[in-house]
């Protein structure tokens, strides 16, 4: 199952980029044997200032047709890492070819796009900068693959 991170904004070189690259490389290596990955990052940018609605149009173009759609949203469900791993494994086992995670811009994800989500995921009640949300999502993808592989990376 291919994994896509569809996000508003361009990530520049720096500590966030280094962390994301590291975790996604680890995920690709661990996930390959599990039928997970590779990960593709799709960055969109609304240069005309159209807000959430314009960002949603750009994000929808980046989401593969038929993908499981997971929207990162503060109102989403907070789940522990093992349950997140189980969800990834279940979608893979259902034969889903693509899994797309959507990270919105400064104002979040447009309500119309959020309504189309198969699952809404939250990293807690606090709002996180979208670059940190990417880092946290990348780490959780690697952690999920590690859990599914039986690796000791995740400790309870």
N, C-alpha and C. Protein backbone atom coordinates (compact mmCIF):
# COMPACT_ATOMS: atom_id res chain seq x y z
N UNK A 1 0.85 -1.16 0.00
CA UNK A 1 0.00 0.00 0.00
C UNK A 1 0.90 1.23 0.00
N UNK A 2 0.74 2.06 -1.01
CA UNK A 2 1.51 3.29 -1.10
C UNK A 2 0.94 4.30 -0.12
N UNK A 3 1.83 5.06 0.49
CA UNK A 3 1.43 6.07 1.47
C UNK A 3 1.78 7.44 0.90
N UNK A 4 0.83 8.37 1.04
CA UNK A 4 1.01 9.72 0.53
C UNK A 4 0.77 10.71 1.67
N UNK A 5 1.68 11.65 1.80
CA UNK A 5 1.48 12.76 2.72
C UNK A 5 1.22 13.98 1.85
N UNK A 6 0.00 14.47 1.91
CA UNK A 6 -0.42 15.61 1.11
C UNK A 6 -0.54 16.80 2.05
N UNK A 7 0.31 17.79 1.88
CA UNK A 7 0.40 18.86 2.86
C UNK A 7 0.46 20.23 2.20
N UNK A 8 -0.11 21.19 2.89
CA UNK A 8 -0.04 22.58 2.46
C UNK A 8 1.29 23.14 2.95
N UNK A 9 2.00 23.81 2.05
CA UNK A 9 3.26 24.45 2.41
C UNK A 9 4.47 23.68 1.93
N UNK A 10 5.53 24.40 1.70
CA UNK A 10 6.79 23.82 1.24
C UNK A 10 7.75 23.70 2.41
N UNK A 11 8.34 22.55 2.54
CA UNK A 11 9.29 22.31 3.62
C UNK A 11 10.70 22.64 3.12
N UNK A 12 11.34 23.54 3.82
CA UNK A 12 12.71 23.93 3.46
C UNK A 12 13.72 23.05 4.21
N UNK A 13 14.97 23.17 3.81
CA UNK A 13 16.03 22.45 4.52
C UNK A 13 16.07 22.93 5.97
N UNK A 14 16.34 22.02 6.86
CA UNK A 14 16.42 22.37 8.27
C UNK A 14 16.14 21.16 9.13
N UNK A 15 16.00 21.35 10.43
CA UNK A 15 15.84 20.22 11.34
C UNK A 15 14.57 19.40 11.09
N UNK A 16 13.47 20.07 10.74
CA UNK A 16 12.24 19.32 10.47
C UNK A 16 12.43 18.42 9.25
N UNK A 17 13.03 18.97 8.20
CA UNK A 17 13.27 18.20 6.97
C UNK A 17 14.15 16.99 7.27
N UNK A 18 15.20 17.19 8.07
CA UNK A 18 16.11 16.09 8.41
C UNK A 18 15.37 14.98 9.17
N UNK A 19 14.53 15.37 10.12
CA UNK A 19 13.77 14.37 10.88
C UNK A 19 12.78 13.62 9.98
N UNK A 20 12.06 14.35 9.16
CA UNK A 20 11.09 13.71 8.26
C UNK A 20 11.80 12.75 7.33
N UNK A 21 12.87 13.21 6.71
CA UNK A 21 13.62 12.34 5.78
C UNK A 21 14.10 11.07 6.48
N UNK A 22 14.60 11.22 7.71
CA UNK A 22 15.08 10.07 8.45
C UNK A 22 13.96 9.08 8.74
N UNK A 23 12.84 9.56 9.29
CA UNK A 23 11.74 8.66 9.63
C UNK A 23 11.11 8.02 8.40
N UNK A 24 10.98 8.77 7.31
CA UNK A 24 10.37 8.19 6.11
C UNK A 24 11.30 7.17 5.46
N UNK A 25 12.61 7.39 5.54
CA UNK A 25 13.56 6.39 5.05
C UNK A 25 13.45 5.11 5.88
N UNK A 26 13.35 5.27 7.19
CA UNK A 26 13.18 4.10 8.07
C UNK A 26 11.87 3.39 7.77
N UNK A 27 10.81 4.17 7.58
CA UNK A 27 9.51 3.56 7.26
C UNK A 27 9.59 2.76 5.97
N UNK A 28 10.18 3.35 4.94
CA UNK A 28 10.27 2.66 3.65
C UNK A 28 11.03 1.34 3.79
N UNK A 29 12.13 1.33 4.56
CA UNK A 29 12.90 0.10 4.75
C UNK A 29 12.12 -0.94 5.55
N UNK A 30 11.49 -0.51 6.63
CA UNK A 30 10.76 -1.45 7.49
C UNK A 30 9.46 -1.88 6.82
N UNK A 31 8.79 -0.95 6.19
CA UNK A 31 7.48 -1.23 5.60
C UNK A 31 7.50 -2.07 4.35
N UNK A 32 8.59 -2.03 3.61
CA UNK A 32 8.68 -2.74 2.33
C UNK A 32 8.29 -4.21 2.48
N UNK A 33 8.85 -4.89 3.47
CA UNK A 33 8.57 -6.31 3.68
C UNK A 33 7.14 -6.55 4.17
N UNK A 34 6.49 -5.49 4.65
CA UNK A 34 5.14 -5.61 5.19
C UNK A 34 4.07 -5.19 4.18
N UNK A 35 4.49 -4.81 2.99
CA UNK A 35 3.53 -4.33 1.99
C UNK A 35 3.10 -2.90 2.24
N UNK A 36 3.93 -2.14 2.93
CA UNK A 36 3.65 -0.73 3.22
C UNK A 36 4.70 0.14 2.56
N UNK A 37 4.25 1.17 1.87
CA UNK A 37 5.17 2.11 1.26
C UNK A 37 5.36 1.84 -0.21
N UNK A 38 6.12 2.66 -0.84
CA UNK A 38 6.88 3.77 -0.28
C UNK A 38 5.99 4.97 0.05
N UNK A 39 6.60 5.96 0.68
CA UNK A 39 5.91 7.20 1.02
C UNK A 39 6.26 8.25 -0.03
N UNK A 40 5.24 8.96 -0.48
CA UNK A 40 5.42 10.11 -1.36
C UNK A 40 4.90 11.34 -0.64
N UNK A 41 5.64 12.41 -0.72
CA UNK A 41 5.20 13.67 -0.11
C UNK A 41 4.76 14.60 -1.24
N UNK A 42 3.53 15.11 -1.13
CA UNK A 42 2.97 16.02 -2.12
C UNK A 42 2.72 17.36 -1.41
N UNK A 43 3.47 18.36 -1.79
CA UNK A 43 3.32 19.68 -1.18
C UNK A 43 2.55 20.59 -2.13
N UNK A 44 1.56 21.29 -1.58
CA UNK A 44 0.78 22.23 -2.38
C UNK A 44 0.87 23.60 -1.74
N UNK A 45 0.72 24.61 -2.57
CA UNK A 45 0.81 25.98 -2.08
C UNK A 45 -0.17 26.84 -2.86
N UNK A 46 -1.05 27.51 -2.13
CA UNK A 46 -2.01 28.43 -2.75
C UNK A 46 -1.37 29.80 -2.82
N UNK A 47 -0.84 30.14 -3.98
CA UNK A 47 -0.13 31.41 -4.14
C UNK A 47 -1.07 32.58 -4.36
N UNK A 48 -2.36 32.28 -4.58
CA UNK A 48 -3.31 33.36 -4.84
C UNK A 48 -4.08 33.79 -3.60
N UNK A 49 -3.83 33.13 -2.47
CA UNK A 49 -4.47 33.54 -1.23
C UNK A 49 -5.94 33.21 -1.14
N UNK A 50 -6.34 32.08 -1.70
CA UNK A 50 -7.75 31.68 -1.70
C UNK A 50 -8.21 31.00 -0.44
N UNK A 51 -7.32 30.82 0.53
CA UNK A 51 -7.70 30.23 1.81
C UNK A 51 -7.91 28.73 1.75
N UNK A 52 -8.66 28.23 2.75
CA UNK A 52 -8.86 26.78 2.89
C UNK A 52 -9.51 26.15 1.66
N UNK A 53 -10.47 26.84 1.05
CA UNK A 53 -11.17 26.27 -0.11
C UNK A 53 -10.19 26.05 -1.27
N UNK A 54 -9.34 27.03 -1.52
CA UNK A 54 -8.35 26.91 -2.60
C UNK A 54 -7.33 25.83 -2.27
N UNK A 55 -6.92 25.77 -1.00
CA UNK A 55 -5.99 24.71 -0.59
C UNK A 55 -6.62 23.34 -0.78
N UNK A 56 -7.91 23.22 -0.48
CA UNK A 56 -8.59 21.93 -0.62
C UNK A 56 -8.58 21.46 -2.07
N UNK A 57 -8.78 22.37 -3.01
CA UNK A 57 -8.75 22.02 -4.43
C UNK A 57 -7.38 21.45 -4.79
N UNK A 58 -6.33 22.12 -4.34
CA UNK A 58 -4.96 21.67 -4.62
C UNK A 58 -4.68 20.33 -3.94
N UNK A 59 -5.13 20.17 -2.70
CA UNK A 59 -4.92 18.91 -1.98
C UNK A 59 -5.64 17.77 -2.68
N UNK A 60 -6.88 18.01 -3.11
CA UNK A 60 -7.65 16.94 -3.76
C UNK A 60 -6.97 16.46 -5.04
N UNK A 61 -6.30 17.36 -5.74
CA UNK A 61 -5.56 16.97 -6.95
C UNK A 61 -4.39 16.05 -6.60
N UNK A 62 -3.84 16.21 -5.39
CA UNK A 62 -2.68 15.41 -4.97
C UNK A 62 -3.07 14.05 -4.41
N UNK A 63 -4.32 13.88 -4.03
CA UNK A 63 -4.78 12.62 -3.42
C UNK A 63 -5.10 11.63 -4.53
N UNK A 64 -4.47 10.45 -4.51
CA UNK A 64 -4.77 9.46 -5.55
C UNK A 64 -6.23 9.01 -5.49
N UNK A 65 -6.81 8.77 -6.65
CA UNK A 65 -8.20 8.28 -6.72
C UNK A 65 -8.33 6.97 -5.97
N UNK A 66 -9.36 6.86 -5.16
CA UNK A 66 -9.63 5.63 -4.42
C UNK A 66 -8.80 5.44 -3.17
N UNK A 67 -7.98 6.43 -2.82
CA UNK A 67 -7.13 6.30 -1.63
C UNK A 67 -7.96 6.36 -0.36
N UNK A 68 -7.50 5.66 0.66
CA UNK A 68 -8.06 5.87 1.99
C UNK A 68 -7.63 7.28 2.37
N UNK A 69 -8.59 8.10 2.79
CA UNK A 69 -8.30 9.49 3.10
C UNK A 69 -8.32 9.71 4.60
N UNK A 70 -7.16 10.08 5.14
CA UNK A 70 -7.02 10.38 6.57
C UNK A 70 -6.67 11.86 6.69
N UNK A 71 -7.54 12.59 7.35
CA UNK A 71 -7.31 14.02 7.56
C UNK A 71 -6.75 14.22 8.96
N UNK A 72 -5.66 14.94 9.03
CA UNK A 72 -5.08 15.32 10.32
C UNK A 72 -5.86 16.53 10.81
N UNK A 73 -6.50 16.39 11.97
CA UNK A 73 -7.39 17.45 12.43
C UNK A 73 -7.48 17.41 13.94
N UNK A 74 -7.45 18.57 14.57
CA UNK A 74 -7.51 18.64 16.04
C UNK A 74 -8.80 18.04 16.59
N UNK A 75 -9.85 17.98 15.76
CA UNK A 75 -11.13 17.40 16.20
C UNK A 75 -11.20 15.90 15.91
N UNK A 76 -10.13 15.35 15.35
CA UNK A 76 -10.11 13.94 15.00
C UNK A 76 -9.97 13.06 16.22
N UNK A 77 -9.82 11.78 15.95
CA UNK A 77 -9.71 10.79 17.02
C UNK A 77 -8.25 10.68 17.47
N UNK A 78 -8.07 10.63 18.76
CA UNK A 78 -6.75 10.41 19.35
C UNK A 78 -6.66 8.92 19.65
N UNK A 79 -5.67 8.26 19.05
CA UNK A 79 -5.53 6.82 19.26
C UNK A 79 -4.08 6.50 19.64
N UNK A 80 -3.89 5.41 20.39
CA UNK A 80 -2.52 5.02 20.73
C UNK A 80 -1.80 4.43 19.49
N UNK A 81 -0.49 4.44 19.55
CA UNK A 81 0.32 3.97 18.43
C UNK A 81 -0.02 2.54 17.99
N UNK A 82 -0.21 1.57 18.91
CA UNK A 82 -0.57 0.23 18.44
C UNK A 82 -1.88 0.19 17.66
N UNK A 83 -2.84 1.01 18.04
CA UNK A 83 -4.11 1.05 17.31
C UNK A 83 -3.90 1.69 15.93
N UNK A 84 -3.03 2.69 15.85
CA UNK A 84 -2.69 3.30 14.57
C UNK A 84 -2.05 2.25 13.66
N UNK A 85 -1.14 1.45 14.21
CA UNK A 85 -0.51 0.38 13.44
C UNK A 85 -1.56 -0.62 12.95
N UNK A 86 -2.50 -0.97 13.83
CA UNK A 86 -3.57 -1.89 13.44
C UNK A 86 -4.39 -1.33 12.28
N UNK A 87 -4.68 -0.03 12.31
CA UNK A 87 -5.44 0.60 11.23
C UNK A 87 -4.68 0.51 9.91
N UNK A 88 -3.39 0.83 9.94
CA UNK A 88 -2.59 0.72 8.72
C UNK A 88 -2.61 -0.72 8.19
N UNK A 89 -2.41 -1.67 9.10
CA UNK A 89 -2.42 -3.07 8.70
C UNK A 89 -3.76 -3.50 8.14
N UNK A 90 -4.85 -3.03 8.72
CA UNK A 90 -6.19 -3.38 8.25
C UNK A 90 -6.44 -2.82 6.86
N UNK A 91 -6.07 -1.55 6.63
CA UNK A 91 -6.26 -0.97 5.30
C UNK A 91 -5.43 -1.72 4.27
N UNK A 92 -4.23 -2.08 4.63
CA UNK A 92 -3.38 -2.87 3.72
C UNK A 92 -4.02 -4.22 3.43
N UNK A 93 -4.50 -4.87 4.49
CA UNK A 93 -5.10 -6.20 4.34
C UNK A 93 -6.40 -6.18 3.55
N UNK A 94 -7.09 -5.03 3.54
CA UNK A 94 -8.30 -4.88 2.73
C UNK A 94 -7.96 -4.72 1.25
N UNK A 95 -6.68 -4.60 0.95
CA UNK A 95 -6.26 -4.45 -0.43
C UNK A 95 -6.29 -3.02 -0.94
N UNK A 96 -6.32 -2.08 -0.03
CA UNK A 96 -6.32 -0.68 -0.43
C UNK A 96 -4.94 -0.35 -1.01
N UNK A 97 -4.92 0.24 -2.19
CA UNK A 97 -3.65 0.50 -2.86
C UNK A 97 -2.95 1.76 -2.40
N UNK A 98 -3.75 2.74 -1.95
CA UNK A 98 -3.18 4.02 -1.56
C UNK A 98 -3.80 4.50 -0.25
N UNK A 99 -2.97 5.15 0.55
CA UNK A 99 -3.38 5.76 1.80
C UNK A 99 -2.86 7.18 1.80
N UNK A 100 -3.76 8.16 1.90
CA UNK A 100 -3.35 9.57 1.85
C UNK A 100 -3.65 10.26 3.16
N UNK A 101 -2.61 10.87 3.74
CA UNK A 101 -2.75 11.70 4.93
C UNK A 101 -2.74 13.15 4.48
N UNK A 102 -3.72 13.92 4.94
CA UNK A 102 -3.82 15.32 4.55
C UNK A 102 -3.52 16.20 5.76
N UNK A 103 -2.58 17.12 5.56
CA UNK A 103 -2.23 18.11 6.58
C UNK A 103 -2.53 19.48 5.99
N UNK A 104 -3.44 20.21 6.62
CA UNK A 104 -3.84 21.51 6.11
C UNK A 104 -2.84 22.60 6.44
N UNK A 105 -3.20 23.79 6.03
CA UNK A 105 -2.38 24.96 6.27
C UNK A 105 -2.70 25.60 7.61
N UNK A 106 -2.43 26.88 7.72
CA UNK A 106 -2.58 27.61 8.98
C UNK A 106 -4.01 27.56 9.53
N UNK A 107 -4.99 27.49 8.64
CA UNK A 107 -6.38 27.48 9.09
C UNK A 107 -6.98 26.08 9.15
N UNK A 108 -6.16 25.06 8.90
CA UNK A 108 -6.65 23.69 8.94
C UNK A 108 -7.11 23.21 7.57
N UNK A 109 -7.95 22.18 7.58
CA UNK A 109 -8.45 21.56 6.36
C UNK A 109 -9.87 22.05 6.12
N UNK A 110 -10.16 22.39 4.89
CA UNK A 110 -11.49 22.86 4.51
C UNK A 110 -12.56 21.86 4.96
N UNK A 111 -13.67 22.34 5.53
CA UNK A 111 -14.71 21.43 6.03
C UNK A 111 -15.24 20.45 4.97
N UNK A 112 -15.34 20.88 3.72
CA UNK A 112 -15.84 19.98 2.67
C UNK A 112 -14.87 18.82 2.43
N UNK A 113 -13.59 19.08 2.45
CA UNK A 113 -12.60 18.01 2.29
C UNK A 113 -12.56 17.14 3.54
N UNK A 114 -12.64 17.77 4.70
CA UNK A 114 -12.65 17.02 5.97
C UNK A 114 -13.84 16.05 6.00
N UNK A 115 -14.97 16.47 5.45
CA UNK A 115 -16.17 15.62 5.45
C UNK A 115 -16.00 14.36 4.58
N UNK A 116 -15.08 14.40 3.63
CA UNK A 116 -14.84 13.25 2.76
C UNK A 116 -13.90 12.21 3.38
N UNK A 117 -13.31 12.54 4.51
CA UNK A 117 -12.29 11.68 5.13
C UNK A 117 -12.87 10.34 5.56
N UNK A 118 -12.08 9.31 5.36
CA UNK A 118 -12.42 7.98 5.88
C UNK A 118 -12.11 7.92 7.38
N UNK A 119 -11.14 8.74 7.80
CA UNK A 119 -10.75 8.77 9.20
C UNK A 119 -10.15 10.14 9.48
N UNK A 120 -10.46 10.66 10.65
CA UNK A 120 -9.88 11.93 11.10
C UNK A 120 -8.99 11.61 12.29
N UNK A 121 -7.71 11.97 12.18
CA UNK A 121 -6.72 11.63 13.19
C UNK A 121 -6.21 12.90 13.85
N UNK A 122 -6.07 12.85 15.16
CA UNK A 122 -5.55 13.98 15.92
C UNK A 122 -4.34 13.55 16.74
N UNK A 123 -3.39 14.46 16.88
CA UNK A 123 -2.27 14.25 17.77
C UNK A 123 -2.53 14.92 19.11
N UNK A 124 -3.79 15.16 19.43
CA UNK A 124 -4.17 15.74 20.71
C UNK A 124 -4.96 17.02 20.51
N UNK A 125 -5.44 17.56 21.61
CA UNK A 125 -6.28 18.75 21.57
C UNK A 125 -5.50 20.01 21.20
N UNK A 126 -4.20 19.98 21.39
CA UNK A 126 -3.40 21.16 21.03
C UNK A 126 -3.25 21.24 19.52
N UNK A 127 -3.12 22.44 19.02
CA UNK A 127 -2.86 22.66 17.60
C UNK A 127 -1.35 22.66 17.40
N UNK A 128 -0.89 21.92 16.38
CA UNK A 128 0.54 21.83 16.10
C UNK A 128 0.85 22.54 14.79
N UNK A 129 2.00 23.19 14.69
CA UNK A 129 2.40 23.76 13.40
C UNK A 129 2.47 22.63 12.37
N UNK A 130 2.07 22.94 11.14
CA UNK A 130 1.99 21.86 10.15
C UNK A 130 3.33 21.18 9.90
N UNK A 131 4.45 21.88 10.08
CA UNK A 131 5.75 21.23 9.87
C UNK A 131 6.02 20.21 10.98
N UNK A 132 5.64 20.54 12.22
CA UNK A 132 5.80 19.57 13.30
C UNK A 132 4.82 18.41 13.14
N UNK A 133 3.63 18.70 12.65
CA UNK A 133 2.66 17.62 12.39
C UNK A 133 3.24 16.63 11.38
N UNK A 134 3.96 17.13 10.39
CA UNK A 134 4.61 16.24 9.42
C UNK A 134 5.66 15.37 10.08
N UNK A 135 6.45 15.98 10.97
CA UNK A 135 7.47 15.21 11.69
C UNK A 135 6.79 14.12 12.51
N UNK A 136 5.77 14.49 13.27
CA UNK A 136 5.10 13.53 14.14
C UNK A 136 4.42 12.42 13.33
N UNK A 137 3.80 12.77 12.21
CA UNK A 137 3.18 11.76 11.36
C UNK A 137 4.24 10.81 10.80
N UNK A 138 5.36 11.36 10.36
CA UNK A 138 6.44 10.52 9.81
C UNK A 138 6.95 9.54 10.86
N UNK A 139 7.13 10.03 12.08
CA UNK A 139 7.60 9.15 13.15
C UNK A 139 6.56 8.08 13.46
N UNK A 140 5.29 8.44 13.48
CA UNK A 140 4.24 7.47 13.79
C UNK A 140 4.09 6.43 12.68
N UNK A 141 4.33 6.82 11.45
CA UNK A 141 4.32 5.84 10.36
C UNK A 141 5.44 4.82 10.57
N UNK A 142 6.63 5.31 10.89
CA UNK A 142 7.74 4.39 11.16
C UNK A 142 7.43 3.52 12.37
N UNK A 143 6.90 4.11 13.42
CA UNK A 143 6.56 3.36 14.63
C UNK A 143 5.52 2.28 14.29
N UNK A 144 4.52 2.62 13.49
CA UNK A 144 3.49 1.66 13.11
C UNK A 144 4.10 0.48 12.35
N UNK A 145 4.98 0.78 11.40
CA UNK A 145 5.63 -0.30 10.65
C UNK A 145 6.47 -1.16 11.59
N UNK A 146 7.14 -0.52 12.53
CA UNK A 146 7.95 -1.26 13.50
C UNK A 146 7.09 -2.17 14.37
N UNK A 147 5.95 -1.67 14.79
CA UNK A 147 5.03 -2.48 15.60
C UNK A 147 4.55 -3.68 14.79
N UNK A 148 4.16 -3.43 13.54
CA UNK A 148 3.67 -4.52 12.70
C UNK A 148 4.77 -5.55 12.40
N UNK A 149 6.02 -5.09 12.39
CA UNK A 149 7.15 -5.98 12.13
C UNK A 149 7.62 -6.70 13.39
N UNK A 150 7.07 -6.33 14.54
CA UNK A 150 7.49 -6.96 15.80
C UNK A 150 8.81 -6.42 16.32
N UNK A 151 9.20 -5.24 15.87
CA UNK A 151 10.46 -4.63 16.28
C UNK A 151 10.35 -4.08 17.71
N UNK A 152 11.46 -4.02 18.43
CA UNK A 152 11.43 -3.48 19.79
C UNK A 152 11.40 -1.94 19.84
N UNK A 153 11.32 -1.26 18.69
CA UNK A 153 11.32 0.21 18.69
C UNK A 153 10.22 0.77 19.58
N UNK A 154 9.03 0.16 19.51
CA UNK A 154 7.92 0.63 20.35
C UNK A 154 7.89 -0.14 21.65
N UNK A 155 7.93 0.56 22.73
CA UNK A 155 7.85 -0.08 24.05
C UNK A 155 6.61 0.44 24.76
N UNK A 156 5.93 -0.45 25.44
CA UNK A 156 4.69 -0.05 26.12
C UNK A 156 5.01 0.35 27.54
